[in-house]
Amino acid sequence: MAPTAPGANAYNQTVGFGDTWGGRFMQPIDYTAVSTSYLGGAGNGEGPLDPKAFGCPESLQFCVGGGSEDGTLFAIAYPSGKGYCTWSLRFYVSTTGAELANAQSAAGVVFKLWGFGV
């Protein structure tokens, strides 16, 4: 399936795995990072994530980050605030646990993410 997210965020929904739980939508996706000059640290990262990518028409309420397909990086999703808010990603090196340094590129790296929302 071709990437379907608007703008720069590229993702592929994992076909056959979209579902609901307690009236909330949930969907795993393969997310392709677009950061060519990553800015790590508080308040920075890549995003916001599109809730529609996860099958959520209105808002993403929780997102679980995951490892990259090649095993070199992992992503942690974080909210911008309380309640209904946007979610972004921060990237870390799998072997050291260190966040990507400023200006390092995560562009093109594919991560497995899981989102949950309304």
Protein backbone atom coordinates (compact mmCIF):
# COMPACT_ATOMS: atom_id res chain seq x y z
CA MET A 1 0.00 0.00 0.00
CA ALA A 2 1.36 3.44 -0.91
CA PRO A 3 1.95 6.07 1.78
CA THR A 4 -1.34 7.83 2.49
CA ALA A 5 -0.55 10.57 4.99
CA PRO A 6 -0.91 14.20 3.92
CA GLY A 7 2.22 16.29 3.69
CA ALA A 8 5.60 14.98 4.77
CA ASN A 9 4.56 12.23 7.20
CA ALA A 10 4.65 8.96 5.26
CA TYR A 11 3.00 5.81 6.57
CA ASN A 12 1.50 2.51 5.52
CA GLN A 13 -1.33 1.00 7.51
CA THR A 14 -0.83 -2.65 8.41
CA VAL A 15 -3.63 -4.21 6.37
CA GLY A 16 -6.06 -6.36 8.32
CA PHE A 17 -5.07 -5.14 11.77
CA GLY A 18 -7.28 -2.06 12.26
CA ASP A 19 -9.76 -2.66 15.07
CA THR A 20 -11.73 -1.03 17.86
CA TRP A 21 -11.44 -1.56 21.58
CA GLY A 22 -13.80 0.05 24.08
CA GLY A 23 -15.16 2.25 21.32
CA ARG A 24 -11.68 3.53 20.41
CA PHE A 25 -9.95 2.96 17.09
CA MET A 26 -6.51 1.35 16.96
CA GLN A 27 -4.13 0.54 14.13
CA PRO A 28 -0.47 -0.43 13.72
CA ILE A 29 1.43 1.41 11.00
CA ASP A 30 4.80 1.37 9.29
CA TYR A 31 5.99 4.98 9.67
CA THR A 32 8.75 6.36 7.45
CA ALA A 33 10.72 9.13 9.17
CA VAL A 34 11.17 12.35 7.24
CA SER A 35 13.66 14.22 9.48
CA THR A 36 16.71 15.10 7.43
CA SER A 37 18.18 17.32 10.14
CA TYR A 38 16.79 15.96 13.39
CA LEU A 39 16.56 18.27 16.40
CA GLY A 40 16.51 16.21 19.58
CA GLY A 41 15.73 17.38 23.07
CA ALA A 42 12.63 18.54 24.92
CA GLY A 43 10.01 20.08 22.69
CA ASN A 44 11.70 18.86 19.52
CA GLY A 45 11.32 15.74 17.47
CA GLU A 46 9.30 14.74 14.43
CA GLY A 47 5.61 15.32 14.14
CA PRO A 48 2.86 15.89 14.70
CA LEU A 49 1.58 12.41 13.85
CA ASP A 50 -1.62 12.23 11.80
CA PRO A 51 -4.40 10.47 13.80
CA LYS A 52 -6.01 9.31 10.55
CA ALA A 53 -2.93 7.18 9.88
CA PHE A 54 -3.98 5.08 12.87
CA GLY A 55 -7.63 4.86 11.82
CA CYS A 56 -8.65 7.60 14.27
CA PRO A 57 -10.86 10.22 12.56
CA GLU A 58 -10.47 12.89 15.27
CA SER A 59 -7.64 12.48 17.76
CA LEU A 60 -4.78 10.21 18.71
CA GLN A 61 -5.05 9.52 22.46
CA PHE A 62 -2.09 7.19 22.86
CA CYS A 63 0.79 6.06 20.65
CA VAL A 64 3.36 3.36 21.22
CA GLY A 65 6.68 3.84 19.46
CA GLY A 66 8.72 0.92 18.22
CA GLY A 67 11.96 -0.16 16.67
CA SER A 68 13.14 0.45 13.15
CA GLU A 69 12.97 -2.33 10.58
CA ASP A 70 16.76 -2.50 10.44
CA GLY A 71 17.12 -2.51 14.25
CA THR A 72 19.40 0.54 14.42
CA LEU A 73 16.96 3.05 15.94
CA PHE A 74 13.82 3.14 18.06
CA ALA A 75 11.12 5.79 18.33
CA ILE A 76 9.36 7.03 21.44
CA ALA A 77 6.06 8.86 20.99
CA TYR A 78 5.25 11.75 23.30
CA PRO A 79 2.19 14.01 23.69
CA SER A 80 2.20 17.79 23.39
CA GLY A 81 -0.02 18.19 26.46
CA LYS A 82 -2.99 16.81 28.37
CA GLY A 83 -6.28 15.55 26.94
CA TYR A 84 -6.76 15.83 23.20
CA CYS A 85 -3.36 16.80 21.86
CA THR A 86 -0.86 16.10 19.12
CA TRP A 87 1.83 13.41 19.31
CA SER A 88 5.38 13.54 18.00
CA LEU A 89 8.36 11.17 17.86
CA ARG A 90 11.87 11.24 19.25
CA PHE A 91 14.51 8.86 17.90
CA TYR A 92 17.16 6.91 19.81
CA VAL A 93 20.09 4.65 18.86
CA SER A 94 19.33 1.02 19.71
CA THR A 95 22.85 0.03 20.74
CA THR A 96 23.49 2.95 23.11
CA GLY A 97 20.06 4.35 24.03
CA ALA A 98 21.32 7.83 23.17
CA GLU A 99 18.98 10.23 21.43
CA LEU A 100 19.99 11.15 17.90
CA ALA A 101 22.28 14.15 18.03
CA ASN A 102 21.26 17.42 16.39
CA ALA A 103 21.57 17.34 12.62
CA GLN A 104 21.69 13.53 12.40
CA SER A 105 19.28 12.11 9.85
CA ALA A 106 16.51 9.58 10.43
CA ALA A 107 15.05 10.20 6.97
CA GLY A 108 13.81 7.07 5.26
CA VAL A 109 14.02 4.84 8.35
CA VAL A 110 10.83 2.80 8.83
CA PHE A 111 9.40 2.30 12.36
CA LYS A 112 6.50 0.18 13.58
CA LEU A 113 4.06 2.32 15.63
CA TRP A 114 0.71 1.55 17.27
CA GLY A 115 -1.93 4.24 17.77
CA PHE A 116 -5.16 4.37 19.76
CA GLY A 117 -7.80 7.12 19.70
CA VAL A 118 -11.17 8.49 18.60
